[in-house]
Amino acid sequence: MSILTFKIRYDMNMKPLLRLAFDVAVFTVKNKIKSPNTTFVKDIRGDLPSAIACQVMKKYGHQKTIKEVHNVNLIVPGQGIKYFEETNSIWIPCLKLHLENCIPYEFVKINQAEIDNEYVYVSVTVKDIPVMTPQHFIGVDRNTTGHIAVAANPETGKIAKLGKKAIHTHKKYSSIRRNLAHDGEFGKLKDCKDRESRIVRDLNHKVSRKLVSMAKEQNAALVFEDLSGIRKTKKQYRSFKYALHSWSFYQLQQFVEYKAKLLGVPVLYVDPAYTSQDCSRCGARGQRDRKSFKCPVCGHVDHADVNAAFNIALRQYDLVNRCQKEMMARGTLISPSALLAESQATIEPTAFRR
């Protein structure tokens, strides 16, 4: 089971109720009320429905470290929400709020809804789709410069370069923040950084959706480099430092993983050693100069990120083939799912194809 949250815009004035919910949260934190009993706040909750007041008290009463309340949403429990499957609409009786065309996935139950000034955030539980057995592997190379993701399928030769906007966004907002700091407008720095984060987050959602859709259409698994700890191990040249630390590779990875889980697409990882320096044609160690790659052995010339994406996919093929031979040598019956699991458990940089 997985939990998804859907963001739905609504057209009602909830500001009076939001102010009351804020007062309830402040009272709960100030008086350290742990029991969600609305009798404690009967004089301040006004027209706020008791079910919502109870949920607000429950949320803020259990947060031991909170000292000051800022933004408080209206929280409606799942039992206070009605869903109509025929029209794909939601009715919240305590707020007299109706939402249409709200949930595009089949789900098991509605957990809760949180409401702010503009949106309703509906949390639902969905069933996990069984992971498919892939016929191909798509290698995905994530980058700090150029396209944030380059995908390649060695079987079909198809290539996709995605997310070129990210590096331009980082450069643009880095320049804006530098100017703001120079002018002494430090109050605007956080708003500028938040806007940049929202733009990059939206881009990562679009790129991850494209990658997972591509894998589903081609009946393929997505293969990534395992980049754990790269910010500590990567050489940080002065000109490269900002690009490395503004790189949202882990966010993209998270978005791909949960979207792939909903469609049953496997997501695999290989060792990243020399993926951008090895030749995807002959396996020899080549020469990389920025975004250009050339192999001195076979003469293969390619875009460096495309070459790396092919290498990532080919390493997974090599791992599967090697595991298949080892399991056959042991006389073990091989299932496709067991083969994938075995290949992921035996990642060794020295065992890769040369």
Protein backbone atom coordinates (compact mmCIF):
# COMPACT_ATOMS: atom_id res chain seq x y z
CA MET A 1 0.00 0.00 0.00
CA SER A 2 1.12 3.56 -0.76
CA ILE A 3 -0.18 6.95 0.33
CA LEU A 4 -0.72 9.71 -2.25
CA THR A 5 -1.77 13.31 -1.72
CA PHE A 6 -3.72 15.23 -4.37
CA LYS A 7 -3.83 19.02 -4.53
CA ILE A 8 -7.25 20.42 -5.54
CA ARG A 9 -8.20 24.08 -5.90
CA TYR A 10 -11.53 25.19 -4.41
CA ASP A 11 -13.71 28.35 -4.48
CA MET A 12 -14.85 29.13 -0.94
CA ASN A 13 -13.87 31.64 1.74
CA MET A 14 -12.27 29.60 4.51
CA LYS A 15 -10.32 32.46 6.13
CA PRO A 16 -12.64 32.80 9.19
CA LEU A 17 -12.37 29.08 9.94
CA LEU A 18 -8.62 29.12 9.33
CA ARG A 19 -8.24 31.91 11.90
CA LEU A 20 -10.25 29.89 14.43
CA ALA A 21 -8.11 26.80 13.71
CA PHE A 22 -5.01 28.95 14.28
CA ASP A 23 -6.39 30.11 17.67
CA VAL A 24 -7.09 26.49 18.64
CA ALA A 25 -3.55 25.44 17.69
CA VAL A 26 -2.00 28.36 19.63
CA PHE A 27 -4.10 27.54 22.71
CA THR A 28 -3.14 23.85 22.46
CA VAL A 29 0.58 24.57 22.25
CA LYS A 30 0.54 27.29 24.91
CA ASN A 31 -1.32 25.14 27.44
CA LYS A 32 0.43 21.88 26.41
CA ILE A 33 -2.84 20.02 25.88
CA LYS A 34 -2.16 16.43 24.84
CA SER A 35 -5.72 15.10 24.91
CA PRO A 36 -7.75 16.19 21.82
CA ASN A 37 -10.83 17.18 23.84
CA THR A 38 -12.80 20.06 22.32
CA THR A 39 -14.26 21.05 25.70
CA PHE A 40 -10.95 22.77 26.40
CA VAL A 41 -11.45 25.12 23.43
CA LYS A 42 -15.24 25.50 23.40
CA ASP A 43 -14.93 29.25 24.09
CA ILE A 44 -12.50 29.95 21.25
CA ARG A 45 -13.41 27.53 18.46
CA GLY A 46 -16.61 29.40 17.55
CA ASP A 47 -18.08 28.01 14.30
CA LEU A 48 -15.15 25.67 13.73
CA PRO A 49 -16.57 22.11 13.47
CA SER A 50 -15.64 19.97 16.45
CA ALA A 51 -14.17 17.23 14.23
CA ILE A 52 -11.71 19.73 12.73
CA ALA A 53 -10.88 21.31 16.10
CA CYS A 54 -10.20 17.85 17.49
CA GLN A 55 -7.81 17.02 14.62
CA VAL A 56 -5.95 20.33 15.02
CA MET A 57 -5.54 19.70 18.76
CA LYS A 58 -4.35 16.17 18.08
CA LYS A 59 -1.73 17.37 15.58
CA TYR A 60 -0.29 20.22 17.65
CA GLY A 61 -0.71 18.57 21.02
CA HIS A 62 1.68 15.75 20.09
CA GLN A 63 4.43 18.03 18.77
CA LYS A 64 6.72 18.36 21.79
CA THR A 65 9.34 20.55 20.11
CA ILE A 66 7.01 23.19 18.62
CA LYS A 67 7.24 26.58 20.34
CA GLU A 68 5.43 28.89 17.94
CA VAL A 69 2.50 28.28 15.57
CA HIS A 70 2.63 29.79 12.09
CA ASN A 71 0.32 28.40 9.39
CA VAL A 72 -2.54 26.12 10.41
CA ASN A 73 -4.72 24.17 7.97
CA LEU A 74 -8.19 22.78 8.49
CA ILE A 75 -7.87 19.02 9.02
CA VAL A 76 -10.81 16.76 8.17
CA PRO A 77 -10.56 13.04 9.08
CA GLY A 78 -11.37 10.38 6.50
CA GLN A 79 -14.67 9.42 8.14
CA GLY A 80 -15.86 13.00 7.67
CA ILE A 81 -15.42 12.84 3.87
CA LYS A 82 -17.82 11.29 1.35
CA TYR A 83 -16.63 10.08 -2.06
CA PHE A 84 -18.93 9.50 -5.05
CA GLU A 85 -17.30 7.10 -7.50
CA GLU A 86 -19.79 7.75 -10.34
CA THR A 87 -18.83 11.42 -10.62
CA ASN A 88 -15.34 11.18 -9.05
CA SER A 89 -16.32 13.89 -6.59
CA ILE A 90 -15.84 14.55 -2.88
CA TRP A 91 -18.30 16.04 -0.40
CA ILE A 92 -17.16 17.37 2.99
CA PRO A 93 -20.40 17.87 4.99
CA CYS A 94 -18.95 19.79 7.95
CA LEU A 95 -17.64 22.51 5.60
CA LYS A 96 -20.32 22.15 2.89
CA LEU A 97 -17.48 21.82 0.39
CA HIS A 98 -17.90 19.98 -2.92
CA LEU A 99 -14.94 18.96 -5.12
CA GLU A 100 -15.26 17.50 -8.64
CA ASN A 101 -12.86 15.40 -10.76
CA CYS A 102 -10.43 15.16 -7.89
CA ILE A 103 -8.70 11.74 -7.74
CA PRO A 104 -7.32 10.24 -10.99
CA TYR A 105 -6.26 6.90 -9.40
CA GLU A 106 -8.20 4.00 -7.97
CA PHE A 107 -7.76 4.01 -4.21
CA VAL A 108 -8.63 1.95 -1.16
CA LYS A 109 -9.69 4.73 1.22
CA ILE A 110 -9.46 8.44 1.92
CA ASN A 111 -7.24 9.09 4.95
CA GLN A 112 -7.81 12.80 5.53
CA ALA A 113 -7.99 16.22 3.88
CA GLU A 114 -6.10 19.40 4.79
CA ILE A 115 -7.41 22.77 3.61
CA ASP A 116 -5.60 26.08 3.31
CA ASN A 117 -6.59 29.38 1.66
CA GLU A 118 -6.64 27.99 -1.88
CA TYR A 119 -6.24 24.23 -1.96
CA VAL A 120 -7.52 21.00 -0.50
CA TYR A 121 -4.85 18.31 0.01
CA VAL A 122 -6.58 14.93 -0.08
CA SER A 123 -4.55 11.98 1.20
CA VAL A 124 -5.56 8.52 -0.06
CA THR A 125 -4.25 4.96 0.25
CA VAL A 126 -3.70 3.14 -3.06
CA LYS A 127 -2.80 -0.46 -3.84
CA ASP A 128 0.68 -1.21 -5.13
CA ILE A 129 0.81 -2.68 -8.64
CA PRO A 130 2.99 -5.85 -8.94
CA VAL A 131 6.40 -5.00 -10.38
CA MET A 132 6.60 -6.07 -14.01
CA THR A 133 9.38 -8.25 -15.44
CA PRO A 134 11.30 -5.90 -17.76
CA GLN A 135 12.33 -6.88 -21.27
CA HIS A 136 14.79 -3.97 -21.55
CA PHE A 137 16.78 -1.60 -19.38
CA ILE A 138 16.81 2.19 -19.78
CA GLY A 139 19.92 3.86 -18.39
CA VAL A 140 19.40 7.32 -16.88
CA ASP A 141 22.35 9.66 -16.39
CA ARG A 142 21.68 12.52 -13.95
CA ASN A 143 23.70 15.70 -14.39
CA THR A 144 24.45 18.99 -12.65
CA THR A 145 24.88 20.84 -15.96
CA GLY A 146 23.05 20.61 -19.27
CA HIS A 147 20.07 18.26 -19.15
CA ILE A 148 19.30 17.01 -15.64
CA ALA A 149 18.45 13.55 -17.03
CA VAL A 150 19.55 11.75 -20.19
CA ALA A 151 17.88 8.38 -20.84
CA ALA A 152 19.03 5.75 -23.34
CA ASN A 153 17.81 2.26 -24.31
CA PRO A 154 20.64 0.13 -25.83
CA GLU A 155 18.16 -2.31 -27.41
CA THR A 156 16.23 0.30 -29.41
CA GLY A 157 18.82 3.07 -29.53
CA LYS A 158 16.22 5.59 -28.34
CA ILE A 159 17.54 8.62 -26.46
CA ALA A 160 15.73 11.28 -24.42
CA LYS A 161 17.32 14.45 -23.05
CA LEU A 162 15.18 16.05 -20.33
CA GLY A 163 15.20 19.05 -18.02
CA LYS A 164 17.57 21.53 -19.67
CA LYS A 165 15.73 24.38 -17.92
CA ALA A 166 17.13 23.51 -14.46
CA ILE A 167 20.66 24.90 -14.89
CA HIS A 168 19.30 28.15 -16.38
CA THR A 169 16.91 28.49 -13.42
CA HIS A 170 19.72 28.01 -10.90
CA LYS A 171 21.94 30.57 -12.65
CA LYS A 172 19.10 33.09 -12.95
CA TYR A 173 18.07 32.96 -9.29
CA SER A 174 21.67 32.82 -8.08
CA SER A 175 22.25 36.12 -9.88
CA ILE A 176 19.04 37.61 -8.44
CA ARG A 177 20.02 36.62 -4.88
CA ARG A 178 23.50 38.07 -5.36
CA ASN A 179 21.99 41.40 -6.43
CA LEU A 180 19.50 41.38 -3.55
CA ALA A 181 22.28 40.73 -1.03
CA HIS A 182 24.37 43.49 -2.60
CA ASP A 183 21.45 45.94 -2.25
CA GLY A 184 20.82 44.87 1.35
CA GLU A 185 17.33 43.46 0.66
CA PHE A 186 17.84 40.37 2.79
CA GLY A 187 14.12 39.97 3.48
CA LYS A 188 13.52 38.97 -0.14
CA LEU A 189 16.26 36.32 -0.26
CA LYS A 190 14.10 33.55 1.23
CA ASP A 191 11.19 34.30 -1.13
CA CYS A 192 13.60 34.14 -4.06
CA LYS A 193 15.05 30.81 -2.90
CA ASP A 194 11.56 29.37 -2.34
CA ARG A 195 10.48 30.35 -5.84
CA GLU A 196 13.56 28.70 -7.33
CA SER A 197 12.84 25.51 -5.34
CA ARG A 198 9.23 25.41 -6.56
CA ILE A 199 10.28 25.79 -10.20
CA VAL A 200 12.90 23.02 -9.92
CA ARG A 201 10.47 20.78 -8.02
CA ASP A 202 7.87 21.18 -10.79
CA LEU A 203 10.53 20.39 -13.40
CA ASN A 204 11.59 17.25 -11.50
CA HIS A 205 7.96 16.12 -11.42
CA LYS A 206 7.67 16.53 -15.20
CA VAL A 207 10.98 14.77 -15.89
CA SER A 208 10.17 11.86 -13.55
CA ARG A 209 6.74 11.46 -15.14
CA LYS A 210 8.32 11.33 -18.60
CA LEU A 211 10.92 8.75 -17.53
CA VAL A 212 8.39 6.43 -15.91
CA SER A 213 5.99 6.72 -18.87
CA MET A 214 8.83 5.93 -21.26
CA ALA A 215 9.79 2.84 -19.25
CA LYS A 216 6.18 1.64 -19.10
CA GLU A 217 5.72 2.05 -22.87
CA GLN A 218 8.95 0.18 -23.64
CA ASN A 219 8.36 -2.51 -20.98
CA ALA A 220 11.70 -1.56 -19.44
CA ALA A 221 13.27 -1.00 -16.03
CA LEU A 222 14.88 2.32 -15.16
CA VAL A 223 18.54 2.07 -14.15
CA PHE A 224 20.27 4.85 -12.23
CA GLU A 225 23.71 5.39 -10.75
CA ASP A 226 23.89 5.00 -6.98
CA LEU A 227 24.91 8.57 -6.06
CA SER A 228 24.84 8.15 -2.28
CA GLY A 229 27.37 10.47 -0.65
CA ILE A 230 28.46 12.10 -3.91
CA ARG A 231 28.63 15.58 -2.35
CA LYS A 232 31.25 14.29 0.08
CA THR A 233 33.31 12.25 -2.39
CA LYS A 234 33.16 14.46 -5.49
CA LYS A 235 36.04 16.91 -6.01
CA GLN A 236 34.58 20.36 -5.43
CA TYR A 237 36.25 22.85 -7.73
CA ARG A 238 35.31 26.46 -7.05
CA SER A 239 33.47 26.85 -10.38
CA PHE A 240 31.60 23.56 -9.83
CA LYS A 241 30.68 23.99 -6.16
CA TYR A 242 27.38 25.82 -6.63
CA ALA A 243 26.18 23.44 -9.37
CA LEU A 244 26.93 20.43 -7.15
CA HIS A 245 25.17 21.76 -4.05
CA SER A 246 22.10 23.03 -5.96
CA TRP A 247 21.75 19.65 -7.71
CA SER A 248 18.40 18.07 -6.79
CA PHE A 249 19.28 14.54 -7.96
CA TYR A 250 17.80 12.90 -4.85
CA GLN A 251 14.47 14.69 -5.26
CA LEU A 252 14.26 13.46 -8.85
CA GLN A 253 15.11 9.95 -7.64
CA GLN A 254 12.30 10.05 -5.05
CA PHE A 255 9.76 11.28 -7.62
CA VAL A 256 10.76 8.52 -10.06
CA GLU A 257 10.56 5.83 -7.38
CA TYR A 258 7.03 6.61 -6.20
CA LYS A 259 5.67 7.15 -9.72
CA ALA A 260 7.31 3.91 -10.89
CA LYS A 261 5.80 2.07 -7.93
CA LEU A 262 2.31 3.14 -9.01
CA LEU A 263 2.85 1.72 -12.51
CA GLY A 264 4.85 -1.39 -11.53
CA VAL A 265 8.07 -0.19 -13.19
CA PRO A 266 11.31 -1.53 -11.59
CA VAL A 267 13.92 1.04 -10.53
CA LEU A 268 17.46 -0.33 -10.25
CA TYR A 269 20.87 1.07 -9.31
CA VAL A 270 24.43 0.36 -10.44
CA ASP A 271 27.85 1.52 -9.30
CA PRO A 272 28.68 4.91 -10.86
CA ALA A 273 32.43 4.28 -11.27
CA TYR A 274 33.67 5.37 -14.74
CA THR A 275 30.21 5.42 -16.38
CA SER A 276 31.08 8.72 -18.07
CA GLN A 277 34.60 7.66 -19.05
CA ASP A 278 34.08 4.18 -20.49
CA CYS A 279 33.14 3.67 -24.13
CA SER A 280 29.63 2.27 -24.57
CA ARG A 281 30.72 0.53 -27.81
CA CYS A 282 33.91 -1.32 -26.86
CA GLY A 283 34.19 -0.78 -23.09
CA ALA A 284 37.63 0.85 -23.26
CA ARG A 285 38.52 3.86 -21.12
CA GLY A 286 37.89 6.93 -23.26
CA GLN A 287 38.49 10.68 -23.14
CA ARG A 288 35.82 13.06 -21.88
CA ASP A 289 36.00 16.82 -22.40
CA ARG A 290 32.96 18.53 -20.86
CA LYS A 291 30.01 17.19 -22.88
CA SER A 292 32.09 15.45 -25.56
CA PHE A 293 33.33 11.86 -25.45
CA LYS A 294 35.83 10.14 -27.73
CA CYS A 295 37.18 6.59 -27.55
CA PRO A 296 40.86 6.27 -28.58
CA VAL A 297 40.46 2.54 -29.25
CA CYS A 298 37.41 2.22 -31.54
CA GLY A 299 37.06 5.89 -32.49
CA HIS A 300 33.51 6.17 -31.15
CA VAL A 301 32.44 9.80 -30.68
CA ASP A 302 29.30 10.70 -28.72
CA HIS A 303 27.66 13.16 -26.36
CA ALA A 304 29.20 12.40 -22.96
CA ASP A 305 25.86 12.15 -21.14
CA VAL A 306 24.37 9.89 -23.81
CA ASN A 307 27.42 7.64 -23.66
CA ALA A 308 27.08 7.48 -19.85
CA ALA A 309 23.35 6.62 -20.08
CA PHE A 310 24.12 3.72 -22.44
CA ASN A 311 26.86 2.52 -20.06
CA ILE A 312 24.47 2.56 -17.09
CA ALA A 313 21.96 0.37 -18.93
CA LEU A 314 24.67 -1.96 -20.26
CA ARG A 315 26.05 -2.49 -16.76
CA GLN A 316 22.67 -3.76 -15.64
CA TYR A 317 22.56 -6.13 -18.64
CA ASP A 318 26.03 -7.39 -17.69
CA LEU A 319 25.00 -7.90 -14.08
CA VAL A 320 21.92 -9.88 -15.09
CA ASN A 321 23.88 -12.02 -17.56
CA ARG A 322 26.62 -12.72 -15.02
CA CYS A 323 24.10 -13.64 -12.33
CA GLN A 324 22.26 -15.88 -14.79
CA LYS A 325 25.46 -17.81 -15.56
CA GLU A 326 26.32 -18.14 -11.86
CA MET A 327 22.84 -19.38 -10.95
CA MET A 328 22.83 -21.86 -13.83
CA ALA A 329 26.24 -23.11 -12.70
CA ARG A 330 24.78 -23.68 -9.23
CA GLY A 331 21.83 -25.52 -10.78
CA THR A 332 19.36 -22.99 -9.38
CA LEU A 333 15.95 -22.54 -10.97
CA ILE A 334 15.78 -18.93 -12.16
CA SER A 335 12.74 -16.68 -12.00
CA PRO A 336 12.97 -13.22 -13.59
CA SER A 337 12.23 -11.45 -10.28
CA ALA A 338 14.84 -13.53 -8.45
CA LEU A 339 17.36 -12.77 -11.17
CA LEU A 340 16.83 -9.01 -10.81
CA ALA A 341 17.13 -9.25 -7.03
CA GLU A 342 20.31 -11.31 -7.30
CA SER A 343 21.86 -8.89 -9.79
CA GLN A 344 21.21 -5.92 -7.50
CA ALA A 345 22.82 -7.70 -4.56
CA THR A 346 26.13 -8.31 -6.40
CA ILE A 347 27.20 -4.86 -7.58
CA GLU A 348 30.98 -4.90 -7.89
CA PRO A 349 32.85 -2.24 -9.90
CA THR A 350 35.57 -4.73 -10.91
CA ALA A 351 33.05 -7.10 -12.45
CA PHE A 352 31.80 -4.71 -15.11
CA ARG A 353 32.37 -5.25 -18.81
CA ARG A 354 35.55 -3.88 -20.35
